[in-house]
C-alpha atoms as a PDB file:
ATOM      1  CA  MET A   1     -26.132 191.257 134.710  1.00  0.00           C
ATOM      2  CA  SER A   2     -25.644 194.607 132.986  1.00  0.00           C
ATOM      3  CA  SER A   3     -22.537 195.257 130.940  1.00  0.00           C
ATOM      4  CA  PHE A   4     -21.534 197.988 133.416  1.00  0.00           C
ATOM      5  CA  TRP A   5     -21.331 195.547 136.315  1.00  0.00           C
ATOM      6  CA  LYS A   6     -19.565 192.972 134.161  1.00  0.00           C
ATOM      7  CA  VAL A   7     -16.889 195.516 133.241  1.00  0.00           C
ATOM      8  CA  MET A   8     -16.564 196.635 136.866  1.00  0.00           C
ATOM      9  CA  GLY A   9     -15.988 193.005 137.865  1.00  0.00           C
ATOM     10  CA  ILE A  10     -13.253 192.602 135.258  1.00  0.00           C
ATOM     11  CA  GLU A  11     -11.618 195.858 136.362  1.00  0.00           C
ATOM     12  CA  ALA A  12     -11.693 194.821 140.013  1.00  0.00           C
ATOM     13  CA  GLU A  13     -10.136 191.443 139.196  1.00  0.00           C
ATOM     14  CA  VAL A  14      -7.315 193.058 137.220  1.00  0.00           C
ATOM     15  CA  TYR A  15      -6.744 195.678 139.949  1.00  0.00           C
ATOM     16  CA  HIS A  16      -6.498 193.120 142.753  1.00  0.00           C
ATOM     17  CA  ASN A  17      -4.335 190.747 140.706  1.00  0.00           C
ATOM     18  CA  LEU A  18      -1.980 193.624 139.865  1.00  0.00           C
ATOM     19  CA  LYS A  19      -1.844 194.617 143.521  1.00  0.00           C
ATOM     20  CA  ASN A  20      -0.916 191.071 144.570  1.00  0.00           C
ATOM     21  CA  VAL A  21       1.756 190.706 141.871  1.00  0.00           C
ATOM     22  CA  MET A  22       3.326 194.047 142.798  1.00  0.00           C
ATOM     23  CA  LYS A  23       3.310 193.224 146.501  1.00  0.00           C
ATOM     24  CA  VAL A  24       5.327 190.064 145.815  1.00  0.00           C
ATOM     25  CA  LYS A  25       7.643 191.530 143.159  1.00  0.00           C
ATOM     26  CA  TYR A  26       8.254 195.038 144.535  1.00  0.00           C
ATOM     27  CA  ARG A  27       7.365 194.634 148.230  1.00  0.00           C
ATOM     28  CA  LYS A  28       4.504 196.107 150.188  1.00  0.00           C
ATOM     29  CA  ASP A  29       5.521 199.757 149.629  1.00  0.00           C
ATOM     30  CA  ALA A  30       4.738 199.348 145.915  1.00  0.00           C
ATOM     31  CA  ILE A  31       1.019 199.018 146.574  1.00  0.00           C
ATOM     32  CA  ASN A  32       0.666 202.370 148.289  1.00  0.00           C
ATOM     33  CA  VAL A  33      -1.729 204.488 146.270  1.00  0.00           C
ATOM     34  CA  GLY A  34      -0.547 207.844 144.865  1.00  0.00           C
ATOM     35  CA  ASP A  35      -2.407 211.157 144.829  1.00  0.00           C
ATOM     36  CA  GLU A  36      -4.286 210.205 141.655  1.00  0.00           C
ATOM     37  CA  SER A  37      -5.293 206.793 143.028  1.00  0.00           C
ATOM     38  CA  GLY A  38      -2.663 204.844 141.105  1.00  0.00           C
ATOM     39  CA  PHE A  39       0.004 202.475 142.319  1.00  0.00           C
ATOM     40  CA  ALA A  40       3.527 203.896 142.474  1.00  0.00           C
ATOM     41  CA  PRO A  41       6.055 201.035 142.412  1.00  0.00           C
ATOM     42  CA  ASN A  42       9.752 201.760 141.985  1.00  0.00           C
ATOM     43  CA  ILE A  43      10.029 200.664 138.348  1.00  0.00           C
ATOM     44  CA  LEU A  44      12.858 202.111 136.272  1.00  0.00           C
ATOM     45  CA  GLU A  45      11.693 201.144 132.773  1.00  0.00           C
ATOM     46  CA  ASN A  46       8.358 202.064 131.190  1.00  0.00           C
ATOM     47  CA  LYS A  47       8.342 198.762 129.322  1.00  0.00           C
ATOM     48  CA  GLU A  48       8.473 196.869 132.613  1.00  0.00           C
ATOM     49  CA  ALA A  49       5.367 198.662 133.890  1.00  0.00           C
ATOM     50  CA  LEU A  50       3.449 198.069 130.664  1.00  0.00           C
ATOM     51  CA  GLY A  51       4.538 194.419 130.594  1.00  0.00           C
ATOM     52  CA  LEU A  52       3.338 193.969 134.162  1.00  0.00           C
ATOM     53  CA  LEU A  53      -0.053 195.391 133.245  1.00  0.00           C
ATOM     54  CA  LYS A  54      -0.279 193.298 130.067  1.00  0.00           C
ATOM     55  CA  ASN A  55       0.530 190.085 131.957  1.00  0.00           C
ATOM     56  CA  THR A  56      -1.997 190.882 134.677  1.00  0.00           C
ATOM     57  CA  VAL A  57      -4.748 191.512 132.116  1.00  0.00           C
ATOM     58  CA  GLY A  58      -3.822 188.244 130.387  1.00  0.00           C
ATOM     59  CA  LYS A  59      -4.059 186.302 133.652  1.00  0.00           C
ATOM     60  CA  ALA A  60      -7.531 187.732 134.197  1.00  0.00           C
ATOM     61  CA  GLY A  61      -8.513 185.977 130.971  1.00  0.00           C
ATOM     62  CA  CYS A  62      -9.793 189.026 129.147  1.00  0.00           C
ATOM     63  CA  PRO A  63      -6.983 190.594 127.075  1.00  0.00           C
ATOM     64  CA  ASP A  64      -9.335 191.212 124.153  1.00  0.00           C
ATOM     65  CA  GLN A  65     -11.781 193.128 126.372  1.00  0.00           C
ATOM     66  CA  ILE A  66      -9.358 195.670 127.863  1.00  0.00           C
ATOM     67  CA  VAL A  67      -7.573 198.561 126.180  1.00  0.00           C
ATOM     68  CA  THR A  68      -4.698 200.303 127.941  1.00  0.00           C
ATOM     69  CA  GLY A  69      -4.708 204.095 128.011  1.00  0.00           C
ATOM     70  CA  MET A  70      -1.987 206.383 129.273  1.00  0.00           C
ATOM     71  CA  ASP A  71      -2.148 209.831 130.862  1.00  0.00           C
ATOM     72  CA  LEU A  72       1.308 211.221 130.151  1.00  0.00           C
ATOM     73  CA  ALA A  73       0.756 214.547 131.932  1.00  0.00           C
ATOM     74  CA  ALA A  74       2.270 216.365 128.947  1.00  0.00           C
ATOM     75  CA  SER A  75       1.343 219.728 130.462  1.00  0.00           C
ATOM     76  CA  GLU A  76       4.041 219.117 133.086  1.00  0.00           C
ATOM     77  CA  PHE A  77       6.673 219.395 130.337  1.00  0.00           C
ATOM     78  CA  PHE A  78       5.345 222.736 128.987  1.00  0.00           C
ATOM     79  CA  ARG A  79       6.805 225.826 130.666  1.00  0.00           C
ATOM     80  CA  SER A  80       6.752 229.485 129.609  1.00  0.00           C
ATOM     81  CA  GLY A  81       5.391 228.744 126.148  1.00  0.00           C
ATOM     82  CA  LYS A  82       8.022 226.107 125.420  1.00  0.00           C
END
């Protein structure tokens, strides 16, 4: 099996585990997919979201094989040169 397909399998496992955890914890509405293909649960604290992701990766048994990246959409905070 190529490393690409191995990584895709890990990603799919994490994605589906995260979806199941969010469905139980935040109800079915939390697993609706947003306009950039991400989940959009009603979470008030950033740390809660990152903890949820960290726990899901850990349950998949591959925490040393996954690195978390964040797209903060910083351009949304920049208006009129400020």
